[in-house]
């Protein structure tokens, strides 16, 4: 699939649920336009996924749900890739005394 692509998430889609035990995550860049004006962008954002693949249409639904975005309109995904947990920089910084 060629990106960028714009999707119109189904408001009745299954809600996103984080799963810290998942072995894979999707790392993506996206923009969500709001129906009442304005937008929010995500760069190198990570969401847990079940399995090792995700359809971009489902990713658009997950973005809106995970961020609890009311009045979300079109979602444009400009980049996405599947990463294995631990193969990217997403761990917490060590606590310093």
PDB file of N, CA and C in Angstrom:
ATOM      1  N   UNK A   1       0.840  -1.181   0.000  1.00  0.00           N
ATOM      2  CA  UNK A   1       0.000   0.000   0.000  1.00  0.00           C
ATOM      3  C   UNK A   1       0.884   1.243   0.000  1.00  0.00           C
ATOM      4  N   UNK A   2       0.475   2.201  -0.783  1.00  0.00           N
ATOM      5  CA  UNK A   2       1.203   3.455  -0.872  1.00  0.00           C
ATOM      6  C   UNK A   2       0.618   4.461   0.111  1.00  0.00           C
ATOM      7  N   UNK A   3       1.493   5.115   0.845  1.00  0.00           N
ATOM      8  CA  UNK A   3       1.079   6.170   1.778  1.00  0.00           C
ATOM      9  C   UNK A   3       1.618   7.484   1.265  1.00  0.00           C
ATOM     10  N   UNK A   4       1.023   8.614   1.564  1.00  0.00           N
ATOM     11  CA  UNK A   4      -0.074   8.803   2.522  1.00  0.00           C
ATOM     12  C   UNK A   4      -1.427   8.404   1.951  1.00  0.00           C
ATOM     13  N   UNK A   5      -2.304   8.019   2.887  1.00  0.00           N
ATOM     14  CA  UNK A   5      -3.704   7.726   2.574  1.00  0.00           C
ATOM     15  C   UNK A   5      -4.573   8.287   3.675  1.00  0.00           C
ATOM     16  N   UNK A   6      -5.770   8.699   3.294  1.00  0.00           N
ATOM     17  CA  UNK A   6      -6.709   9.282   4.251  1.00  0.00           C
ATOM     18  C   UNK A   6      -7.879   8.335   4.454  1.00  0.00           C
ATOM     19  N   UNK A   7      -8.266   8.189   5.723  1.00  0.00           N
ATOM     20  CA  UNK A   7      -9.357   7.290   6.105  1.00  0.00           C
ATOM     21  C   UNK A   7     -10.377   8.055   6.933  1.00  0.00           C
ATOM     22  N   UNK A   8     -11.593   7.555   6.943  1.00  0.00           N
ATOM     23  CA  UNK A   8     -12.672   8.121   7.748  1.00  0.00           C
ATOM     24  C   UNK A   8     -13.103   7.039   8.741  1.00  0.00           C
ATOM     25  N   UNK A   9     -12.507   7.055   9.948  1.00  0.00           N
ATOM     26  CA  UNK A   9     -12.772   5.988  10.922  1.00  0.00           C
ATOM     27  C   UNK A   9     -14.243   5.867  11.288  1.00  0.00           C
ATOM     28  N   UNK A  10     -14.665   4.639  11.476  1.00  0.00           N
ATOM     29  CA  UNK A  10     -16.028   4.333  11.899  1.00  0.00           C
ATOM     30  C   UNK A  10     -16.159   4.659  13.382  1.00  0.00           C
ATOM     31  N   UNK A  11     -17.058   5.568  13.766  1.00  0.00           N
ATOM     32  CA  UNK A  11     -17.224   5.905  15.188  1.00  0.00           C
ATOM     33  C   UNK A  11     -17.647   4.706  16.034  1.00  0.00           C
ATOM     34  N   UNK A  12     -18.223   3.688  15.406  1.00  0.00           N
ATOM     35  CA  UNK A  12     -18.665   2.503  16.143  1.00  0.00           C
ATOM     36  C   UNK A  12     -17.611   1.392  16.145  1.00  0.00           C
ATOM     37  N   UNK A  13     -16.399   1.707  15.687  1.00  0.00           N
ATOM     38  CA  UNK A  13     -15.340   0.693  15.633  1.00  0.00           C
ATOM     39  C   UNK A  13     -14.975   0.216  17.035  1.00  0.00           C
ATOM     40  N   UNK A  14     -14.435  -0.989  17.095  1.00  0.00           N
ATOM     41  CA  UNK A  14     -13.994  -1.550  18.372  1.00  0.00           C
ATOM     42  C   UNK A  14     -12.957  -0.622  19.004  1.00  0.00           C
ATOM     43  N   UNK A  15     -13.102  -0.303  20.294  1.00  0.00           N
ATOM     44  CA  UNK A  15     -12.143   0.593  20.954  1.00  0.00           C
ATOM     45  C   UNK A  15     -10.743  -0.024  21.011  1.00  0.00           C
ATOM     46  N   UNK A  16      -9.746   0.841  20.992  1.00  0.00           N
ATOM     47  CA  UNK A  16      -8.356   0.397  21.144  1.00  0.00           C
ATOM     48  C   UNK A  16      -8.098   0.058  22.604  1.00  0.00           C
ATOM     49  N   UNK A  17      -7.391  -1.034  22.820  1.00  0.00           N
ATOM     50  CA  UNK A  17      -6.973  -1.413  24.166  1.00  0.00           C
ATOM     51  C   UNK A  17      -5.480  -1.689  24.135  1.00  0.00           C
ATOM     52  N   UNK A  18      -4.725  -0.950  24.940  1.00  0.00           N
ATOM     53  CA  UNK A  18      -3.284  -1.181  25.035  1.00  0.00           C
ATOM     54  C   UNK A  18      -3.032  -2.575  25.597  1.00  0.00           C
ATOM     55  N   UNK A  19      -1.972  -3.209  25.120  1.00  0.00           N
ATOM     56  CA  UNK A  19      -1.608  -4.538  25.607  1.00  0.00           C
ATOM     57  C   UNK A  19      -0.096  -4.574  25.814  1.00  0.00           C
ATOM     58  N   UNK A  20       0.367  -4.291  27.033  1.00  0.00           N
ATOM     59  CA  UNK A  20       1.807  -4.279  27.300  1.00  0.00           C
ATOM     60  C   UNK A  20       2.490  -5.621  27.051  1.00  0.00           C
ATOM     61  N   UNK A  21       1.728  -6.692  26.918  1.00  0.00           N
ATOM     62  CA  UNK A  21       2.308  -8.014  26.659  1.00  0.00           C
ATOM     63  C   UNK A  21       2.423  -8.314  25.161  1.00  0.00           C
ATOM     64  N   UNK A  22       1.954  -7.417  24.309  1.00  0.00           N
ATOM     65  CA  UNK A  22       2.020  -7.685  22.869  1.00  0.00           C
ATOM     66  C   UNK A  22       3.478  -7.731  22.416  1.00  0.00           C
ATOM     67  N   UNK A  23       3.747  -8.551  21.424  1.00  0.00           N
ATOM     68  CA  UNK A  23       5.117  -8.678  20.921  1.00  0.00           C
ATOM     69  C   UNK A  23       5.416  -7.688  19.802  1.00  0.00           C
ATOM     70  N   UNK A  24       4.374  -7.098  19.236  1.00  0.00           N
ATOM     71  CA  UNK A  24       4.556  -6.149  18.136  1.00  0.00           C
ATOM     72  C   UNK A  24       3.802  -4.847  18.410  1.00  0.00           C
ATOM     73  N   UNK A  25       4.315  -3.799  17.782  1.00  0.00           N
ATOM     74  CA  UNK A  25       3.668  -2.497  17.847  1.00  0.00           C
ATOM     75  C   UNK A  25       3.681  -1.902  16.447  1.00  0.00           C
ATOM     76  N   UNK A  26       2.818  -0.939  16.238  1.00  0.00           N
ATOM     77  CA  UNK A  26       2.858  -0.205  14.980  1.00  0.00           C
ATOM     78  C   UNK A  26       3.408   1.182  15.299  1.00  0.00           C
ATOM     79  N   UNK A  27       4.401   1.593  14.524  1.00  0.00           N
ATOM     80  CA  UNK A  27       5.015   2.915  14.669  1.00  0.00           C
ATOM     81  C   UNK A  27       4.567   3.722  13.458  1.00  0.00           C
ATOM     82  N   UNK A  28       4.018   4.914  13.706  1.00  0.00           N
ATOM     83  CA  UNK A  28       3.393   5.627  12.592  1.00  0.00           C
ATOM     84  C   UNK A  28       3.493   7.134  12.736  1.00  0.00           C
ATOM     85  N   UNK A  29       3.260   7.797  11.622  1.00  0.00           N
ATOM     86  CA  UNK A  29       3.072   9.243  11.552  1.00  0.00           C
ATOM     87  C   UNK A  29       1.668   9.452  11.004  1.00  0.00           C
ATOM     88  N   UNK A  30       0.946  10.394  11.581  1.00  0.00           N
ATOM     89  CA  UNK A  30      -0.432  10.622  11.133  1.00  0.00           C
ATOM     90  C   UNK A  30      -0.889  12.032  11.481  1.00  0.00           C
ATOM     91  N   UNK A  31      -1.973  12.406  10.846  1.00  0.00           N
ATOM     92  CA  UNK A  31      -2.637  13.680  11.140  1.00  0.00           C
ATOM     93  C   UNK A  31      -4.128  13.397  11.243  1.00  0.00           C
ATOM     94  N   UNK A  32      -4.735  13.937  12.297  1.00  0.00           N
ATOM     95  CA  UNK A  32      -6.182  13.824  12.485  1.00  0.00           C
ATOM     96  C   UNK A  32      -6.768  15.225  12.375  1.00  0.00           C
ATOM     97  N   UNK A  33      -7.649  15.423  11.410  1.00  0.00           N
ATOM     98  CA  UNK A  33      -8.353  16.700  11.272  1.00  0.00           C
ATOM     99  C   UNK A  33      -9.656  16.606  12.053  1.00  0.00           C
ATOM    100  N   UNK A  34     -10.019  17.694  12.715  1.00  0.00           N
ATOM    101  CA  UNK A  34     -11.242  17.722  13.511  1.00  0.00           C
ATOM    102  C   UNK A  34     -12.386  18.323  12.705  1.00  0.00           C
ATOM    103  N   UNK A  35     -13.582  17.849  12.979  1.00  0.00           N
ATOM    104  CA  UNK A  35     -14.753  18.323  12.243  1.00  0.00           C
ATOM    105  C   UNK A  35     -15.089  19.775  12.569  1.00  0.00           C
ATOM    106  N   UNK A  36     -14.594  20.276  13.708  1.00  0.00           N
ATOM    107  CA  UNK A  36     -14.867  21.666  14.089  1.00  0.00           C
ATOM    108  C   UNK A  36     -13.646  22.557  13.888  1.00  0.00           C
ATOM    109  N   UNK A  37     -12.699  22.132  13.065  1.00  0.00           N
ATOM    110  CA  UNK A  37     -11.503  22.908  12.769  1.00  0.00           C
ATOM    111  C   UNK A  37     -10.306  22.425  13.571  1.00  0.00           C
ATOM    112  N   UNK A  38      -9.131  22.686  13.052  1.00  0.00           N
ATOM    113  CA  UNK A  38      -7.904  22.290  13.721  1.00  0.00           C
ATOM    114  C   UNK A  38      -7.527  20.848  13.426  1.00  0.00           C
ATOM    115  N   UNK A  39      -6.376  20.466  13.942  1.00  0.00           N
ATOM    116  CA  UNK A  39      -5.879  19.112  13.726  1.00  0.00           C
ATOM    117  C   UNK A  39      -4.824  18.795  14.775  1.00  0.00           C
ATOM    118  N   UNK A  40      -4.468  17.527  14.861  1.00  0.00           N
ATOM    119  CA  UNK A  40      -3.379  17.074  15.721  1.00  0.00           C
ATOM    120  C   UNK A  40      -2.524  16.127  14.880  1.00  0.00           C
ATOM    121  N   UNK A  41      -1.206  16.205  15.078  1.00  0.00           N
ATOM    122  CA  UNK A  41      -0.297  15.329  14.348  1.00  0.00           C
ATOM    123  C   UNK A  41       0.457  14.423  15.313  1.00  0.00           C
ATOM    124  N   UNK A  42       0.795  13.242  14.844  1.00  0.00           N
ATOM    125  CA  UNK A  42       1.596  12.292  15.619  1.00  0.00           C
ATOM    126  C   UNK A  42       2.814  11.912  14.780  1.00  0.00           C
ATOM    127  N   UNK A  43       3.978  11.884  15.406  1.00  0.00           N
ATOM    128  CA  UNK A  43       5.228  11.527  14.722  1.00  0.00           C
ATOM    129  C   UNK A  43       5.900  10.421  15.514  1.00  0.00           C
ATOM    130  N   UNK A  44       6.213   9.310  14.876  1.00  0.00           N
ATOM    131  CA  UNK A  44       6.848   8.156  15.534  1.00  0.00           C
ATOM    132  C   UNK A  44       6.042   7.673  16.732  1.00  0.00           C
ATOM    133  N   UNK A  45       4.733   7.712  16.630  1.00  0.00           N
ATOM    134  CA  UNK A  45       3.828   7.277  17.698  1.00  0.00           C
ATOM    135  C   UNK A  45       3.753   5.758  17.666  1.00  0.00           C
ATOM    136  N   UNK A  46       3.629   5.143  18.828  1.00  0.00           N
ATOM    137  CA  UNK A  46       3.582   3.685  18.936  1.00  0.00           C
ATOM    138  C   UNK A  46       2.285   3.225  19.573  1.00  0.00           C
ATOM    139  N   UNK A  47       1.662   2.203  18.989  1.00  0.00           N
ATOM    140  CA  UNK A  47       0.495   1.556  19.584  1.00  0.00           C
ATOM    141  C   UNK A  47       0.710   0.047  19.555  1.00  0.00           C
ATOM    142  N   UNK A  48       0.272  -0.618  20.612  1.00  0.00           N
ATOM    143  CA  UNK A  48       0.335  -2.078  20.672  1.00  0.00           C
ATOM    144  C   UNK A  48      -0.628  -2.666  19.653  1.00  0.00           C
ATOM    145  N   UNK A  49      -0.226  -3.781  19.052  1.00  0.00           N
ATOM    146  CA  UNK A  49      -1.127  -4.494  18.150  1.00  0.00           C
ATOM    147  C   UNK A  49      -1.123  -5.978  18.498  1.00  0.00           C
ATOM    148  N   UNK A  50      -2.208  -6.626  18.157  1.00  0.00           N
ATOM    149  CA  UNK A  50      -2.286  -8.084  18.292  1.00  0.00           C
ATOM    150  C   UNK A  50      -1.721  -8.677  17.006  1.00  0.00           C
ATOM    151  N   UNK A  51      -0.830  -9.614  17.101  1.00  0.00           N
ATOM    152  CA  UNK A  51      -0.243 -10.216  15.912  1.00  0.00           C
ATOM    153  C   UNK A  51       0.884  -9.366  15.360  1.00  0.00           C
ATOM    154  N   UNK A  52       1.207  -9.603  14.079  1.00  0.00           N
ATOM    155  CA  UNK A  52       2.341  -8.904  13.476  1.00  0.00           C
ATOM    156  C   UNK A  52       1.954  -8.065  12.253  1.00  0.00           C
ATOM    157  N   UNK A  53       0.671  -7.725  12.160  1.00  0.00           N
ATOM    158  CA  UNK A  53       0.231  -6.856  11.066  1.00  0.00           C
ATOM    159  C   UNK A  53      -1.030  -6.106  11.486  1.00  0.00           C
ATOM    160  N   UNK A  54      -1.289  -5.027  10.755  1.00  0.00           N
ATOM    161  CA  UNK A  54      -2.485  -4.215  11.024  1.00  0.00           C
ATOM    162  C   UNK A  54      -2.868  -3.514   9.722  1.00  0.00           C
ATOM    163  N   UNK A  55      -4.132  -3.473   9.429  1.00  0.00           N
ATOM    164  CA  UNK A  55      -4.611  -2.743   8.251  1.00  0.00           C
ATOM    165  C   UNK A  55      -4.588  -1.250   8.568  1.00  0.00           C
ATOM    166  N   UNK A  56      -4.214  -0.420   7.606  1.00  0.00           N
ATOM    167  CA  UNK A  56      -4.190   1.016   7.870  1.00  0.00           C
ATOM    168  C   UNK A  56      -5.560   1.573   8.249  1.00  0.00           C
ATOM    169  N   UNK A  57      -6.630   0.979   7.716  1.00  0.00           N
ATOM    170  CA  UNK A  57      -7.976   1.427   8.087  1.00  0.00           C
ATOM    171  C   UNK A  57      -8.210   1.217   9.583  1.00  0.00           C
ATOM    172  N   UNK A  58      -7.753   0.073  10.097  1.00  0.00           N
ATOM    173  CA  UNK A  58      -7.892  -0.207  11.535  1.00  0.00           C
ATOM    174  C   UNK A  58      -6.986   0.705  12.340  1.00  0.00           C
ATOM    175  N   UNK A  59      -5.788   0.985  11.843  1.00  0.00           N
ATOM    176  CA  UNK A  59      -4.891   1.905  12.543  1.00  0.00           C
ATOM    177  C   UNK A  59      -5.556   3.263  12.710  1.00  0.00           C
ATOM    178  N   UNK A  60      -6.226   3.762  11.685  1.00  0.00           N
ATOM    179  CA  UNK A  60      -6.915   5.055  11.787  1.00  0.00           C
ATOM    180  C   UNK A  60      -7.943   5.024  12.915  1.00  0.00           C
ATOM    181  N   UNK A  61      -8.684   3.922  13.034  1.00  0.00           N
ATOM    182  CA  UNK A  61      -9.665   3.786  14.123  1.00  0.00           C
ATOM    183  C   UNK A  61      -8.972   3.742  15.480  1.00  0.00           C
ATOM    184  N   UNK A  62      -7.854   3.025  15.544  1.00  0.00           N
ATOM    185  CA  UNK A  62      -7.114   2.912  16.808  1.00  0.00           C
ATOM    186  C   UNK A  62      -6.560   4.260  17.261  1.00  0.00           C
ATOM    187  N   UNK A  63      -6.085   5.065  16.327  1.00  0.00           N
ATOM    188  CA  UNK A  63      -5.535   6.384  16.659  1.00  0.00           C
ATOM    189  C   UNK A  63      -6.598   7.236  17.338  1.00  0.00           C
ATOM    190  N   UNK A  64      -7.765   7.313  16.735  1.00  0.00           N
ATOM    191  CA  UNK A  64      -8.858   8.124  17.287  1.00  0.00           C
ATOM    192  C   UNK A  64      -9.261   7.614  18.666  1.00  0.00           C
ATOM    193  N   UNK A  65      -9.365   6.304  18.812  1.00  0.00           N
ATOM    194  CA  UNK A  65      -9.768   5.708  20.087  1.00  0.00           C
ATOM    195  C   UNK A  65      -8.697   5.885  21.158  1.00  0.00           C
ATOM    196  N   UNK A  66      -7.431   5.589  20.819  1.00  0.00           N
ATOM    197  CA  UNK A  66      -6.342   5.659  21.803  1.00  0.00           C
ATOM    198  C   UNK A  66      -6.160   7.064  22.350  1.00  0.00           C
ATOM    199  N   UNK A  67      -6.372   8.064  21.502  1.00  0.00           N
ATOM    200  CA  UNK A  67      -6.196   9.453  21.922  1.00  0.00           C
ATOM    201  C   UNK A  67      -7.494  10.069  22.420  1.00  0.00           C
ATOM    202  N   UNK A  68      -8.574   9.286  22.386  1.00  0.00           N
ATOM    203  CA  UNK A  68      -9.878   9.766  22.845  1.00  0.00           C
ATOM    204  C   UNK A  68     -10.241  11.095  22.176  1.00  0.00           C
ATOM    205  N   UNK A  69     -10.132  11.113  20.868  1.00  0.00           N
ATOM    206  CA  UNK A  69     -10.349  12.347  20.112  1.00  0.00           C
ATOM    207  C   UNK A  69     -11.815  12.515  19.746  1.00  0.00           C
ATOM    208  N   UNK A  70     -12.445  13.442  20.410  1.00  0.00           N
ATOM    209  CA  UNK A  70     -13.824  13.779  20.075  1.00  0.00           C
ATOM    210  C   UNK A  70     -13.820  14.644  18.824  1.00  0.00           C
ATOM    211  N   UNK A  71     -14.840  14.534  18.040  1.00  0.00           N
ATOM    212  CA  UNK A  71     -14.986  15.310  16.810  1.00  0.00           C
ATOM    213  C   UNK A  71     -13.868  15.047  15.804  1.00  0.00           C
ATOM    214  N   UNK A  72     -13.335  13.833  15.826  1.00  0.00           N
ATOM    215  CA  UNK A  72     -12.312  13.469  14.847  1.00  0.00           C
ATOM    216  C   UNK A  72     -12.951  13.322  13.478  1.00  0.00           C
ATOM    217  N   UNK A  73     -12.274  13.853  12.496  1.00  0.00           N
ATOM    218  CA  UNK A  73     -12.695  13.709  11.113  1.00  0.00           C
ATOM    219  C   UNK A  73     -11.740  12.771  10.403  1.00  0.00           C
ATOM    220  N   UNK A  74     -11.288  13.156   9.213  1.00  0.00           N
ATOM    221  CA  UNK A  74     -10.396  12.293   8.459  1.00  0.00           C
ATOM    222  C   UNK A  74      -9.044  12.098   9.154  1.00  0.00           C
ATOM    223  N   UNK A  75      -8.502  10.898   8.997  1.00  0.00           N
ATOM    224  CA  UNK A  75      -7.186  10.559   9.536  1.00  0.00           C
ATOM    225  C   UNK A  75      -6.282  10.244   8.350  1.00  0.00           C
ATOM    226  N   UNK A  76      -5.187  10.987   8.232  1.00  0.00           N
ATOM    227  CA  UNK A  76      -4.224  10.743   7.167  1.00  0.00           C
ATOM    228  C   UNK A  76      -3.002  10.066   7.764  1.00  0.00           C
ATOM    229  N   UNK A  77      -2.707   8.876   7.281  1.00  0.00           N
ATOM    230  CA  UNK A  77      -1.529   8.142   7.735  1.00  0.00           C
ATOM    231  C   UNK A  77      -0.444   8.350   6.689  1.00  0.00           C
ATOM    232  N   UNK A  78       0.683   8.917   7.131  1.00  0.00           N
ATOM    233  CA  UNK A  78       1.764   9.223   6.202  1.00  0.00           C
ATOM    234  C   UNK A  78       2.894   8.204   6.259  1.00  0.00           C
ATOM    235  N   UNK A  79       2.981   7.456   7.354  1.00  0.00           N
ATOM    236  CA  UNK A  79       3.996   6.405   7.478  1.00  0.00           C
ATOM    237  C   UNK A  79       3.528   5.413   8.525  1.00  0.00           C
ATOM    238  N   UNK A  80       3.854   4.140   8.311  1.00  0.00           N
ATOM    239  CA  UNK A  80       3.577   3.122   9.326  1.00  0.00           C
ATOM    240  C   UNK A  80       4.476   1.922   9.075  1.00  0.00           C
ATOM    241  N   UNK A  81       4.939   1.337  10.177  1.00  0.00           N
ATOM    242  CA  UNK A  81       5.711   0.109  10.068  1.00  0.00           C
ATOM    243  C   UNK A  81       5.529  -0.689  11.344  1.00  0.00           C
ATOM    244  N   UNK A  82       5.640  -1.984  11.227  1.00  0.00           N
ATOM    245  CA  UNK A  82       5.509  -2.874  12.372  1.00  0.00           C
ATOM    246  C   UNK A  82       6.893  -3.058  12.985  1.00  0.00           C
ATOM    247  N   UNK A  83       6.971  -2.934  14.299  1.00  0.00           N
ATOM    248  CA  UNK A  83       8.230  -3.142  15.018  1.00  0.00           C
ATOM    249  C   UNK A  83       7.990  -4.144  16.140  1.00  0.00           C
ATOM    250  N   UNK A  84       9.026  -4.922  16.434  1.00  0.00           N
ATOM    251  CA  UNK A  84       8.945  -5.838  17.565  1.00  0.00           C
ATOM    252  C   UNK A  84       9.208  -5.039  18.831  1.00  0.00           C
ATOM    253  N   UNK A  85       8.490  -5.356  19.865  1.00  0.00           N
ATOM    254  CA  UNK A  85       8.689  -4.677  21.140  1.00  0.00           C
ATOM    255  C   UNK A  85      10.157  -4.839  21.543  1.00  0.00           C
ATOM    256  N   UNK A  86      10.787  -3.730  21.916  1.00  0.00           N
ATOM    257  CA  UNK A  86      12.179  -3.746  22.333  1.00  0.00           C
ATOM    258  C   UNK A  86      13.168  -3.427  21.220  1.00  0.00           C
ATOM    259  N   UNK A  87      12.718  -3.401  19.970  1.00  0.00           N
ATOM    260  CA  UNK A  87      13.603  -3.082  18.848  1.00  0.00           C
ATOM    261  C   UNK A  87      13.554  -1.602  18.475  1.00  0.00           C
ATOM    262  N   UNK A  88      13.030  -0.787  19.347  1.00  0.00           N
ATOM    263  CA  UNK A  88      12.912   0.643  19.096  1.00  0.00           C
ATOM    264  C   UNK A  88      13.034   1.357  20.430  1.00  0.00           C
ATOM    265  N   UNK A  89      13.179   2.648  20.387  1.00  0.00           N
ATOM    266  CA  UNK A  89      13.355   3.415  21.616  1.00  0.00           C
ATOM    267  C   UNK A  89      12.006   3.802  22.184  1.00  0.00           C
ATOM    268  N   UNK A  90      11.466   2.955  23.051  1.00  0.00           N
ATOM    269  CA  UNK A  90      10.191   3.284  23.687  1.00  0.00           C
ATOM    270  C   UNK A  90      10.192   2.932  25.160  1.00  0.00           C
ATOM    271  N   UNK A  91      11.345   2.536  25.673  1.00  0.00           N
ATOM    272  CA  UNK A  91      11.383   2.166  27.087  1.00  0.00           C
ATOM    273  C   UNK A  91      11.589   3.406  27.944  1.00  0.00           C
ATOM    274  N   UNK A  92      11.165   3.295  29.178  1.00  0.00           N
ATOM    275  CA  UNK A  92      11.295   4.412  30.116  1.00  0.00           C
ATOM    276  C   UNK A  92      12.767   4.643  30.434  1.00  0.00           C
ATOM    277  N   UNK A  93      13.097   5.878  30.696  1.00  0.00           N
ATOM    278  CA  UNK A  93      14.460   6.197  31.112  1.00  0.00           C
ATOM    279  C   UNK A  93      14.700   5.654  32.514  1.00  0.00           C
ATOM    280  N   UNK A  94      15.932   5.203  32.799  1.00  0.00           N
ATOM    281  CA  UNK A  94      16.200   4.697  34.148  1.00  0.00           C
ATOM    282  C   UNK A  94      16.043   5.800  35.188  1.00  0.00           C
ATOM    283  N   UNK A  95      15.556   5.410  36.345  1.00  0.00           N
ATOM    284  CA  UNK A  95      15.390   6.364  37.447  1.00  0.00           C
ATOM    285  C   UNK A  95      16.755   6.666  38.039  1.00  0.00           C
ATOM    286  N   UNK A  96      17.059   7.926  38.169  1.00  0.00           N
ATOM    287  CA  UNK A  96      18.352   8.342  38.717  1.00  0.00           C
ATOM    288  C   UNK A  96      18.166   8.789  40.155  1.00  0.00           C
ATOM    289  N   UNK A  97      19.044   8.316  41.018  1.00  0.00           N
ATOM    290  CA  UNK A  97      18.990   8.725  42.436  1.00  0.00           C
ATOM    291  C   UNK A  97      19.673  10.040  42.653  1.00  0.00           C
TER     292      UNK A  97
END
